[in-house]
Amino acid sequence: MTNIQNRQVRLAGRPVGLPKRADWEFTAEPVPEPGEGEVLVKVSYLSLDPAMRGWMNEGRSYIEPVGIGEVMRALGVGQVISSRDPLLAVGDFVSGLTGVQECAVLKARHVTKVDPRLAPLPVHLNVLGMPGMTAYFGLFAIGEPKAGETVVVSGAAGAVGATVGQLAKITGCRVIGIAGGRDKCKYIVDELGFDAAIDYKSEDVSKRLQDLCPNRIDVYFDNVGGDILDACLAHLAMKGRIVLCGAISQYNTTTPIKGPSNYLSLLVNRGRMKGMVVMDYAGRFEHAVRDMAKWMAEGKLKSREDVAEGLEAFPETLLKLFSGENFGKLVLKVA
């Protein structure tokens, strides 16, 4: 493979605020050969996720930061083109941490075989992939929704939020989504079956929560943090649960991160607020994928992907996550 060049995107500097194109370096090097127990994967699609912004920062987190000069970390799905592991054959499709590049050598034990007949490859980066697993375990393992309860989810038109809302409806809950813009609010109600939507760009979130949640919020699934988390805390029901999944409103701030000022609501309402990292549930993914695939086949669960094309478009495409331009799971088609 030494005559084939592998194009890559590497982290060139620690971003301050929103990442700039100058924070990235485009490189190319010969495609390496896999070693014993490894596979060479031709990457088809990359998952672009808000968590990537945190991976660019120095400092303690749930995962080591991407080093300066390293290929940017990313989940991807693609096809095995060379294998030195008996469990995976040339032609198999797999998902794993490929990085932002055209080809990746990965340990076979670190990838998951996927079935393109079950769903198109981008869906394996959405409902049947990490966002779907995040929604499934965040809602069911931490939120513990019960039929008849009120569930509120922020970032409701995004990859995780859209799935959370649909899973809550499958459970028999009343679901309110918070999203940005009329089109996204219409989508989650008309197409995904949410009971109501709040447009945080044009409406008073706290007032709308008061109107839409007369019995207050039993489960709040937080993808954004900041003022919306505060508003939901103010309307928490007795023994309400808050799932801390993300804080996209805070990821690019150049000032100290805004913490919740209404945290005493947890004390007054005997509430619970717990953070979740999806890899804590990795041993149970297979069960969750079976459930999700079944609900998709039954028409109860929809998966929407926003697909951009070209490795060279990575820096600008990533920014769509933070401007709210993406509609559904943001995916980059590599080739």
Protein backbone atom coordinates (compact mmCIF):
# COMPACT_ATOMS: atom_id res chain seq x y z
CA MET A 1 0.00 0.00 0.00
CA THR A 2 3.06 2.27 0.13
CA ASN A 3 2.27 3.94 -3.23
CA ILE A 4 -1.21 5.02 -2.10
CA GLN A 5 -1.42 8.32 -0.24
CA ASN A 6 -3.69 8.66 2.78
CA ARG A 7 -5.06 12.17 3.23
CA GLN A 8 -5.47 13.25 6.86
CA VAL A 9 -6.59 16.21 8.98
CA ARG A 10 -4.38 16.92 11.99
CA LEU A 11 -4.82 19.29 14.93
CA ALA A 12 -2.34 22.13 14.42
CA GLY A 13 -3.19 24.26 17.46
CA ARG A 14 -5.48 24.58 20.47
CA PRO A 15 -8.52 26.63 19.36
CA VAL A 16 -9.58 29.70 21.30
CA GLY A 17 -13.33 29.97 20.90
CA LEU A 18 -14.58 28.52 17.64
CA PRO A 19 -12.01 26.41 15.75
CA LYS A 20 -10.49 28.18 12.72
CA ARG A 21 -9.12 26.63 9.56
CA ALA A 22 -5.64 27.61 10.79
CA ASP A 23 -6.13 25.20 13.70
CA TRP A 24 -5.94 22.30 11.23
CA GLU A 25 -3.19 20.85 9.07
CA PHE A 26 -3.90 18.78 5.95
CA THR A 27 -1.30 16.08 5.38
CA ALA A 28 -0.79 12.96 3.26
CA GLU A 29 1.37 9.92 3.89
CA PRO A 30 1.60 6.37 2.53
CA VAL A 31 -1.16 4.03 3.62
CA PRO A 32 0.35 1.69 6.24
CA GLU A 33 0.03 -2.08 6.27
CA PRO A 34 -1.95 -3.64 9.14
CA GLY A 35 -0.06 -5.68 11.70
CA GLU A 36 -1.09 -8.88 13.41
CA GLY A 37 -4.62 -8.55 14.79
CA GLU A 38 -5.25 -5.37 12.82
CA VAL A 39 -7.34 -4.30 9.84
CA LEU A 40 -6.95 -1.54 7.27
CA VAL A 41 -10.21 0.34 6.80
CA LYS A 42 -11.16 2.59 3.89
CA VAL A 43 -13.24 5.25 5.61
CA SER A 44 -16.58 6.02 3.98
CA TYR A 45 -18.24 8.39 6.46
CA LEU A 46 -17.15 10.33 9.54
CA SER A 47 -19.30 11.34 12.48
CA LEU A 48 -18.96 15.02 13.44
CA ASP A 49 -19.96 15.54 17.07
CA PRO A 50 -20.02 18.41 19.58
CA ALA A 51 -17.71 16.38 21.84
CA MET A 52 -14.93 16.91 19.29
CA ARG A 53 -14.59 20.50 20.50
CA GLY A 54 -13.73 19.29 24.01
CA TRP A 55 -11.20 16.80 22.64
CA MET A 56 -9.21 19.72 21.22
CA ASN A 57 -8.64 21.30 24.64
CA GLU A 58 -5.88 20.54 27.10
CA GLY A 59 -6.92 19.55 30.59
CA ARG A 60 -8.52 16.68 32.45
CA SER A 61 -11.60 15.12 30.93
CA TYR A 62 -13.18 11.70 30.42
CA ILE A 63 -10.75 11.09 27.54
CA GLU A 64 -7.22 12.26 26.71
CA PRO A 65 -7.10 15.38 24.50
CA VAL A 66 -5.98 15.07 20.90
CA GLY A 67 -2.29 15.93 20.76
CA ILE A 68 -0.95 18.74 18.60
CA GLY A 69 0.09 17.18 15.29
CA GLU A 70 -2.12 14.11 15.75
CA VAL A 71 -4.86 13.02 13.36
CA MET A 72 -8.11 14.47 14.69
CA ARG A 73 -10.12 11.91 16.62
CA ALA A 74 -13.44 10.92 15.04
CA LEU A 75 -15.79 7.99 14.80
CA GLY A 76 -16.08 6.57 11.32
CA VAL A 77 -17.57 3.74 9.32
CA GLY A 78 -15.95 2.07 6.34
CA GLN A 79 -14.89 -1.13 4.61
CA VAL A 80 -12.05 -3.49 5.47
CA ILE A 81 -9.56 -3.54 2.56
CA SER A 82 -6.85 -5.58 4.28
CA SER A 83 -7.09 -7.85 7.31
CA ARG A 84 -4.70 -9.71 9.55
CA ASP A 85 -7.34 -10.91 11.97
CA PRO A 86 -9.40 -14.08 11.44
CA LEU A 87 -12.62 -12.50 12.67
CA LEU A 88 -12.76 -9.82 9.98
CA ALA A 89 -12.51 -10.34 6.23
CA VAL A 90 -11.81 -8.02 3.32
CA GLY A 91 -15.15 -6.51 2.34
CA ASP A 92 -16.59 -6.39 5.85
CA PHE A 93 -17.99 -3.06 7.04
CA VAL A 94 -16.96 -1.79 10.46
CA SER A 95 -17.27 1.26 12.70
CA GLY A 96 -14.69 2.59 15.13
CA LEU A 97 -12.37 5.46 15.99
CA THR A 98 -10.92 5.93 12.53
CA GLY A 99 -9.87 9.56 12.88
CA VAL A 100 -10.35 12.23 10.23
CA GLN A 101 -8.56 10.49 7.37
CA GLU A 102 -9.20 8.38 4.30
CA CYS A 103 -7.72 5.12 5.62
CA ALA A 104 -7.11 3.84 9.14
CA VAL A 105 -5.26 0.89 10.62
CA LEU A 106 -7.23 -0.31 13.64
CA LYS A 107 -7.02 -3.20 16.05
CA ALA A 108 -9.75 -5.65 15.11
CA ARG A 109 -10.91 -5.88 18.72
CA HIS A 110 -11.54 -2.12 18.75
CA VAL A 111 -14.00 -2.04 15.84
CA THR A 112 -17.61 -3.14 15.52
CA LYS A 113 -18.83 -5.05 12.51
CA VAL A 114 -21.91 -3.41 10.95
CA ASP A 115 -24.46 -4.70 8.49
CA PRO A 116 -25.18 -2.28 5.60
CA ARG A 117 -28.25 -4.36 4.76
CA LEU A 118 -29.77 -3.39 8.12
CA ALA A 119 -29.50 0.33 7.38
CA PRO A 120 -27.41 2.70 5.21
CA LEU A 121 -23.89 3.31 6.53
CA PRO A 122 -24.59 6.85 7.86
CA VAL A 123 -27.34 5.43 10.10
CA HIS A 124 -24.64 3.35 11.81
CA LEU A 125 -23.15 6.68 12.92
CA ASN A 126 -26.53 7.92 14.12
CA VAL A 127 -29.40 5.92 15.59
CA LEU A 128 -27.51 2.61 15.33
CA GLY A 129 -24.23 4.23 16.38
CA MET A 130 -22.84 6.31 19.22
CA PRO A 131 -25.55 9.03 19.25
CA GLY A 132 -28.23 6.36 19.41
CA MET A 133 -26.42 4.55 22.20
CA THR A 134 -26.03 7.86 24.05
CA ALA A 135 -29.74 8.54 23.77
CA TYR A 136 -30.71 4.99 24.76
CA PHE A 137 -28.57 4.65 27.86
CA GLY A 138 -28.80 8.28 28.93
CA LEU A 139 -32.59 8.16 28.86
CA PHE A 140 -33.23 4.64 30.12
CA ALA A 141 -30.31 4.04 32.52
CA ILE A 142 -30.17 7.55 34.03
CA GLY A 143 -33.46 9.28 33.18
CA GLU A 144 -35.56 6.20 34.00
CA PRO A 145 -38.73 7.51 32.30
CA LYS A 146 -42.13 6.06 33.13
CA ALA A 147 -45.26 6.11 31.00
CA GLY A 148 -47.26 9.27 31.58
CA GLU A 149 -44.30 11.36 32.73
CA THR A 150 -43.15 14.59 31.07
CA VAL A 151 -39.76 14.46 29.35
CA VAL A 152 -38.02 17.60 28.08
CA VAL A 153 -34.99 17.40 25.79
CA SER A 154 -32.77 20.21 24.52
CA GLY A 155 -30.92 20.07 21.22
CA ALA A 156 -34.04 18.18 20.21
CA ALA A 157 -33.45 18.23 16.44
CA GLY A 158 -29.87 17.02 16.79
CA ALA A 159 -28.63 13.45 16.61
CA VAL A 160 -28.97 12.59 20.31
CA GLY A 161 -31.94 14.79 21.14
CA ALA A 162 -34.13 13.58 18.27
CA THR A 163 -33.60 9.97 19.31
CA VAL A 164 -34.18 10.72 22.99
CA GLY A 165 -37.55 12.25 22.20
CA GLN A 166 -38.63 9.33 20.05
CA LEU A 167 -37.55 6.78 22.67
CA ALA A 168 -39.48 8.68 25.33
CA LYS A 169 -42.59 8.57 23.12
CA ILE A 170 -42.12 4.82 22.63
CA THR A 171 -42.08 4.58 26.44
CA GLY A 172 -45.41 6.40 26.67
CA CYS A 173 -44.16 9.77 27.91
CA ARG A 174 -45.27 13.26 27.00
CA VAL A 175 -42.30 14.87 25.22
CA ILE A 176 -41.34 18.54 24.83
CA GLY A 177 -38.38 19.41 22.61
CA ILE A 178 -36.29 22.57 22.71
CA ALA A 179 -34.73 23.44 19.35
CA GLY A 180 -33.53 26.44 17.37
CA GLY A 181 -35.75 27.73 14.60
CA ARG A 182 -39.24 27.21 13.24
CA ASP A 183 -38.27 24.45 10.78
CA LYS A 184 -36.59 22.31 13.44
CA CYS A 185 -39.50 22.75 15.84
CA LYS A 186 -41.96 21.79 13.12
CA TYR A 187 -39.86 18.75 12.23
CA ILE A 188 -39.72 17.28 15.73
CA VAL A 189 -43.48 17.67 16.20
CA ASP A 190 -44.79 16.80 12.74
CA GLU A 191 -42.29 14.09 11.75
CA LEU A 192 -40.90 12.71 15.01
CA GLY A 193 -44.09 12.87 17.06
CA PHE A 194 -43.02 15.18 19.89
CA ASP A 195 -46.02 16.63 21.73
CA ALA A 196 -44.73 20.20 21.57
CA ALA A 197 -41.63 22.25 20.75
CA ILE A 198 -40.03 25.40 22.12
CA ASP A 199 -38.01 27.63 19.80
CA TYR A 200 -35.26 28.98 22.04
CA LYS A 201 -34.30 31.51 19.37
CA SER A 202 -37.66 33.31 19.40
CA GLU A 203 -39.49 32.23 22.57
CA ASP A 204 -39.08 32.69 26.31
CA VAL A 205 -38.04 29.17 27.27
CA SER A 206 -38.99 29.46 30.94
CA LYS A 207 -42.44 30.86 30.19
CA ARG A 208 -43.11 28.19 27.57
CA LEU A 209 -42.02 25.47 30.00
CA GLN A 210 -44.50 26.83 32.52
CA ASP A 211 -47.27 26.71 29.91
CA LEU A 212 -46.40 23.30 28.48
CA CYS A 213 -45.43 21.50 31.69
CA PRO A 214 -48.21 22.22 34.20
CA ASN A 215 -47.10 19.21 36.25
CA ARG A 216 -43.44 20.22 35.85
CA ILE A 217 -40.57 18.21 34.33
CA ASP A 218 -40.00 14.60 35.37
CA VAL A 219 -36.97 14.00 33.12
CA TYR A 220 -34.79 16.64 31.48
CA PHE A 221 -32.19 15.40 28.99
CA ASP A 222 -29.60 18.18 28.71
CA ASN A 223 -27.52 18.58 25.58
CA VAL A 224 -26.82 22.32 25.83
CA GLY A 225 -26.20 23.51 29.40
CA GLY A 226 -26.23 27.23 30.21
CA ASP A 227 -29.47 29.21 30.46
CA ILE A 228 -31.68 26.37 29.21
CA LEU A 229 -30.42 24.04 31.93
CA ASP A 230 -31.22 26.76 34.47
CA ALA A 231 -34.73 27.16 33.06
CA CYS A 232 -35.41 23.43 33.26
CA LEU A 233 -34.07 23.22 36.81
CA ALA A 234 -36.59 25.91 37.78
CA HIS A 235 -39.44 23.71 36.51
CA LEU A 236 -38.23 20.36 37.88
CA ALA A 237 -40.88 18.05 39.36
CA MET A 238 -40.58 16.32 42.70
CA LYS A 239 -37.98 13.54 42.34
CA GLY A 240 -37.19 14.76 38.83
CA ARG A 241 -34.13 13.46 37.00
CA ILE A 242 -31.67 15.42 34.87
CA VAL A 243 -29.34 13.66 32.43
CA LEU A 244 -26.19 15.70 31.79
CA CYS A 245 -25.13 14.62 28.30
CA GLY A 246 -23.59 17.73 26.75
CA ALA A 247 -23.21 21.49 27.05
CA ILE A 248 -22.86 22.74 23.50
CA SER A 249 -23.71 26.31 24.53
CA GLN A 250 -20.50 26.37 26.59
CA TYR A 251 -17.98 24.56 24.37
CA ASN A 252 -16.59 27.61 22.56
CA THR A 253 -16.83 30.18 25.34
CA THR A 254 -13.72 32.21 26.10
CA THR A 255 -15.02 33.10 29.57
CA PRO A 256 -15.54 30.80 32.57
CA ILE A 257 -18.18 28.13 32.00
CA LYS A 258 -21.60 29.12 33.31
CA GLY A 259 -22.79 26.76 36.03
CA PRO A 260 -26.42 26.27 37.05
CA SER A 261 -27.72 29.01 39.33
CA ASN A 262 -30.93 27.08 40.06
CA TYR A 263 -29.16 24.04 41.48
CA LEU A 264 -31.08 24.31 44.78
CA SER A 265 -34.10 23.02 42.88
CA LEU A 266 -32.43 19.62 43.20
CA LEU A 267 -32.55 19.92 46.98
CA VAL A 268 -36.09 21.30 47.20
CA ASN A 269 -37.47 18.69 44.78
CA ARG A 270 -35.25 15.81 45.94
CA GLY A 271 -34.05 15.73 42.36
CA ARG A 272 -31.11 13.99 40.77
CA MET A 273 -28.63 15.31 38.17
CA LYS A 274 -26.13 12.85 36.78
CA GLY A 275 -23.54 12.97 34.01
CA MET A 276 -23.22 10.25 31.42
CA VAL A 277 -20.45 9.05 29.11
CA VAL A 278 -21.71 6.53 26.60
CA MET A 279 -18.65 4.25 26.71
CA ASP A 280 -19.56 3.32 30.28
CA TYR A 281 -22.29 1.19 28.68
CA ALA A 282 -20.19 -0.37 25.88
CA GLY A 283 -20.79 -3.88 27.14
CA ARG A 284 -24.53 -3.44 26.55
CA PHE A 285 -24.45 -1.86 23.07
CA GLU A 286 -25.45 -5.06 21.28
CA HIS A 287 -28.73 -5.25 23.20
CA ALA A 288 -29.48 -1.59 22.51
CA VAL A 289 -28.78 -1.94 18.78
CA ARG A 290 -31.24 -4.83 18.60
CA ASP A 291 -33.93 -2.73 20.26
CA MET A 292 -33.26 0.28 18.04
CA ALA A 293 -33.19 -1.75 14.82
CA LYS A 294 -36.50 -3.39 15.78
CA TRP A 295 -38.15 0.00 16.43
CA MET A 296 -36.80 1.33 13.14
CA ALA A 297 -38.20 -1.68 11.27
CA GLU A 298 -41.56 -1.08 12.96
CA GLY A 299 -41.56 2.56 11.89
CA LYS A 300 -41.44 3.84 15.48
CA LEU A 301 -37.95 5.34 15.24
CA LYS A 302 -36.57 7.58 12.50
CA SER A 303 -32.98 8.46 11.66
CA ARG A 304 -32.07 11.68 9.83
CA GLU A 305 -28.55 12.47 8.61
CA ASP A 306 -27.16 15.77 7.35
CA VAL A 307 -24.38 14.65 4.98
CA ALA A 308 -21.61 16.93 3.75
CA GLU A 309 -18.93 15.79 1.30
CA GLY A 310 -15.16 15.95 1.10
CA LEU A 311 -12.35 15.69 3.65
CA GLU A 312 -11.22 19.20 2.70
CA ALA A 313 -14.58 20.54 3.94
CA PHE A 314 -14.02 19.22 7.49
CA PRO A 315 -13.14 22.53 9.23
CA GLU A 316 -16.17 24.42 7.91
CA THR A 317 -18.54 21.47 8.25
CA LEU A 318 -17.61 20.99 11.91
CA LEU A 319 -18.66 24.59 12.62
CA LYS A 320 -22.23 23.79 11.57
CA LEU A 321 -22.63 22.03 14.91
CA PHE A 322 -22.08 25.25 16.83
CA SER A 323 -24.12 27.57 14.60
CA GLY A 324 -27.08 25.21 14.59
CA GLU A 325 -26.98 24.87 10.80
CA ASN A 326 -27.03 21.08 10.78
CA PHE A 327 -30.38 19.36 10.62
CA GLY A 328 -30.08 15.85 12.06
CA LYS A 329 -26.87 13.90 12.59
CA LEU A 330 -23.94 15.69 10.96
CA VAL A 331 -21.92 13.27 8.83
CA LEU A 332 -18.99 13.88 6.47
CA LYS A 333 -18.73 11.65 3.40
CA VAL A 334 -15.04 10.98 2.86
CA ALA A 335 -15.13 9.21 -0.50
